Protein backbone atom coordinates (compact mmCIF):
# COMPACT_ATOMS: atom_id res chain seq x y z
CA UNK A 1 92.52 58.78 105.58
CA UNK A 2 93.11 62.17 107.23
CA UNK A 3 96.57 62.45 105.68
CA UNK A 4 95.16 61.66 102.26
CA UNK A 5 92.44 64.31 102.60
CA UNK A 6 94.88 66.95 103.80
CA UNK A 7 97.24 66.11 100.93
CA UNK A 8 94.40 66.41 98.42
CA UNK A 9 93.29 69.73 99.96
CA UNK A 10 96.85 71.10 99.81
CA UNK A 11 97.22 69.94 96.19
CA UNK A 12 93.95 71.68 95.31
CA UNK A 13 95.05 74.98 96.90
CA UNK A 14 98.46 74.83 95.21
CA UNK A 15 96.84 73.88 91.90
CA UNK A 16 94.53 76.87 92.03
CA UNK A 17 97.41 79.19 92.90
CA UNK A 18 99.60 77.82 90.11
CA UNK A 19 96.82 78.01 87.56
CA UNK A 20 96.52 81.75 88.12
CA UNK A 21 93.29 81.83 90.04
CA UNK A 22 93.30 85.58 89.46
CA UNK A 23 91.55 85.15 86.12
CA UNK A 24 88.92 87.51 87.46
CA UNK A 25 91.50 90.29 87.70
CA UNK A 26 90.35 93.60 89.09
CA UNK A 27 90.55 96.55 86.70
CA UNK A 28 93.71 98.55 87.30
CA UNK A 29 93.32 102.23 88.07
CA UNK A 30 95.45 104.61 86.04
CA UNK A 31 95.35 107.39 88.60
CA UNK A 32 98.05 107.33 91.29
CA UNK A 33 97.03 107.78 94.91
CA UNK A 34 99.28 109.80 97.23
CA UNK A 35 99.47 109.05 100.95
CA UNK A 36 101.35 111.31 103.34
CA UNK A 37 102.46 114.91 103.12
CA UNK A 38 105.60 116.89 103.74
CA UNK A 39 107.93 114.08 102.83
CA UNK A 40 110.76 115.00 105.18
CA UNK A 41 112.08 111.42 104.82
CA UNK A 42 111.63 111.25 101.04
CA UNK A 43 109.28 110.03 98.33
CA UNK A 44 108.49 106.36 97.74
CA UNK A 45 106.69 104.95 94.70
CA UNK A 46 104.74 101.72 95.12
CA UNK A 47 103.87 100.09 91.81
CA UNK A 48 101.69 97.04 92.21
CA UNK A 49 99.48 94.60 90.39
CA UNK A 50 96.05 94.45 92.09
CA UNK A 51 95.55 90.76 91.27
CA UNK A 52 92.19 89.07 91.49
CA UNK A 53 91.21 90.16 94.99
CA UNK A 54 91.30 93.30 97.10
CA UNK A 55 94.04 91.92 99.36
CA UNK A 56 97.07 93.24 97.42
CA UNK A 57 95.56 96.75 97.30
CA UNK A 58 94.75 96.75 101.01
CA UNK A 59 98.26 95.52 101.80
CA UNK A 60 99.91 98.20 99.66
CA UNK A 61 97.79 100.87 101.37
CA UNK A 62 98.88 99.54 104.78
CA UNK A 63 102.51 99.76 103.63
CA UNK A 64 101.97 103.30 102.38
CA UNK A 65 100.37 104.34 105.67
CA UNK A 66 103.30 102.91 107.66
CA UNK A 67 105.78 104.70 105.40
CA UNK A 68 103.79 107.95 105.69
CA UNK A 69 103.91 107.64 109.49
CA UNK A 70 107.71 107.59 109.12
CA UNK A 71 107.75 110.86 107.17
CA UNK A 72 107.57 109.65 103.57
CA UNK A 73 105.22 110.71 100.81
CA UNK A 74 104.04 107.56 99.05
CA UNK A 75 102.62 107.41 95.54
CA UNK A 76 100.63 104.24 94.81
CA UNK A 77 100.41 103.18 91.15
CA UNK A 78 98.61 100.16 89.77
CA UNK A 79 100.11 98.44 86.76
CA UNK A 80 98.23 99.23 83.59
CA UNK A 81 99.07 99.72 79.95
CA UNK A 82 100.35 103.23 79.46
CA UNK A 83 101.34 103.76 83.11
CA UNK A 84 103.18 107.06 83.21
CA UNK A 85 106.00 106.72 85.73
CA UNK A 86 109.41 108.37 86.02
CA UNK A 87 111.73 106.52 88.42
CA UNK A 88 113.77 109.69 88.97
CA UNK A 89 110.75 111.22 90.72
CA UNK A 90 111.17 108.99 93.79
CA UNK A 91 113.86 107.98 96.27
CA UNK A 92 112.91 104.29 96.27
CA UNK A 93 110.55 101.95 94.44
CA UNK A 94 108.46 99.15 95.92
CA UNK A 95 107.15 96.52 93.53
CA UNK A 96 104.10 94.70 94.82
CA UNK A 97 101.36 92.28 94.13
CA UNK A 98 100.30 88.68 94.26
CA UNK A 99 102.46 85.72 93.42
CA UNK A 100 100.86 82.96 91.37
CA UNK A 101 102.94 79.84 90.80
CA UNK A 102 105.92 81.57 92.48
CA UNK A 103 105.93 84.31 89.82
CA UNK A 104 104.96 87.96 89.92
CA UNK A 105 102.22 89.01 87.53
CA UNK A 106 103.06 89.66 83.86
CA UNK A 107 102.05 93.35 84.01
CA UNK A 108 104.56 93.96 86.80
CA UNK A 109 107.26 92.14 84.82
CA UNK A 110 106.47 94.30 81.79
CA UNK A 111 106.72 97.44 83.92
CA UNK A 112 110.17 96.45 85.22
CA UNK A 113 111.44 95.37 81.82
CA UNK A 114 110.34 98.67 80.23
CA UNK A 115 112.17 100.81 82.81
CA UNK A 116 115.20 98.70 83.74
CA UNK A 117 117.75 99.40 84.95
CA UNK A 118 116.22 101.50 87.71
CA UNK A 119 118.18 104.40 89.26
CA UNK A 120 116.72 103.98 92.78
CA UNK A 121 116.74 101.21 95.42
CA UNK A 122 114.11 98.58 94.61
CA UNK A 123 112.08 96.68 97.20
CA UNK A 124 109.27 94.14 96.87
CA UNK A 125 106.13 93.36 98.84
CA UNK A 126 104.56 90.13 97.64
CA UNK A 127 101.18 88.72 98.65
CA UNK A 128 99.65 85.28 98.37
CA UNK A 129 99.47 81.92 100.09
CA UNK A 130 102.37 80.40 102.00
CA UNK A 131 104.23 83.52 103.18
CA UNK A 132 107.16 81.66 104.75
CA UNK A 133 108.31 78.43 103.12
CA UNK A 134 107.27 79.13 99.52
CA UNK A 135 108.55 82.70 99.74
CA UNK A 136 112.05 81.65 100.76
CA UNK A 137 112.29 78.56 98.55
CA UNK A 138 110.53 79.72 95.38
CA UNK A 139 109.06 83.24 95.29
CA UNK A 140 112.11 85.26 96.33
CA UNK A 141 114.63 83.30 94.21
CA UNK A 142 112.36 83.61 91.14
CA UNK A 143 111.89 87.34 91.72
CA UNK A 144 115.60 87.91 92.30
CA UNK A 145 116.45 85.95 89.15
CA UNK A 146 113.96 87.89 87.01
CA UNK A 147 115.15 91.25 88.34
CA UNK A 148 118.79 90.27 87.87
CA UNK A 149 118.10 89.40 84.23
CA UNK A 150 116.54 92.86 83.85
CA UNK A 151 119.60 94.51 85.44
CA UNK A 152 117.79 95.40 88.67
CA UNK A 153 119.12 94.67 92.14
CA UNK A 154 116.60 93.89 94.85
CA UNK A 155 117.45 95.82 98.02
CA UNK A 156 114.83 94.22 100.28
CA UNK A 157 111.68 92.15 100.10
CA UNK A 158 108.99 90.38 102.08
CA UNK A 159 105.77 88.46 101.56
CA UNK A 160 102.54 88.47 103.53
CA UNK A 161 99.97 85.74 103.24
CA UNK A 162 96.34 86.32 102.51
CA UNK A 163 95.49 84.27 105.60
CA UNK A 164 98.23 85.74 107.82
CA UNK A 165 97.38 87.18 111.21
CA UNK A 166 97.26 90.98 111.46
CA UNK A 167 100.25 90.83 113.82
CA UNK A 168 102.32 88.88 111.26
CA UNK A 169 101.40 91.39 108.54
CA UNK A 170 102.32 94.39 110.75
CA UNK A 171 105.66 92.78 111.64
CA UNK A 172 106.52 92.05 108.01
CA UNK A 173 105.50 95.53 106.83
CA UNK A 174 107.51 97.17 109.64
CA UNK A 175 110.54 95.08 108.69
CA UNK A 176 110.29 96.19 105.05
CA UNK A 177 109.91 99.82 106.15
CA UNK A 178 113.00 99.43 108.35
CA UNK A 179 114.94 98.19 105.31
CA UNK A 180 113.74 101.20 103.29
CA UNK A 181 114.73 103.55 106.12
CA UNK A 182 118.19 101.97 106.28
CA UNK A 183 118.74 102.11 102.52
CA UNK A 184 117.76 105.79 102.43
CA UNK A 185 119.72 106.72 105.54
CA UNK A 186 116.62 107.46 107.64
CA UNK A 187 117.27 105.11 110.54
């Protein structure tokens, strides 16, 4: 009985995620937010889809704060029609947002497709359920495939779960920042 209930509960959670439970999407801001000053390590652009909850935004801000503590200036952009972005204005680009059904959101795909190929190293910070198994088996391969079709090479990526412990999130964000440091020669 317990196994049946847990299977039904898991199927319900996966079903909601696959169906795009973000139908109540938050409005995307068109104004970029800059975190950090000086920029002795460089300038990073984070372009993300806010999804249907505040979690992706909070996670991208945490990433930006960690990068700023390492000497970067970070510009946060939310995906929106008419987003004005010039990839040459940054040293690296981080794509971010929730994954529904192992796919990044359509607005983020449209952003990449419109600007590809990109002249800077590209990283990804995904959010959603199942940060380990689904990420490695489905999310990352799907993202890599999509970017490859667009002519974009993914330099580094990670995923943090909406129910992950703060320690897990900090570790994953630090690991992504380490990869950015390494790619930009700021080790």
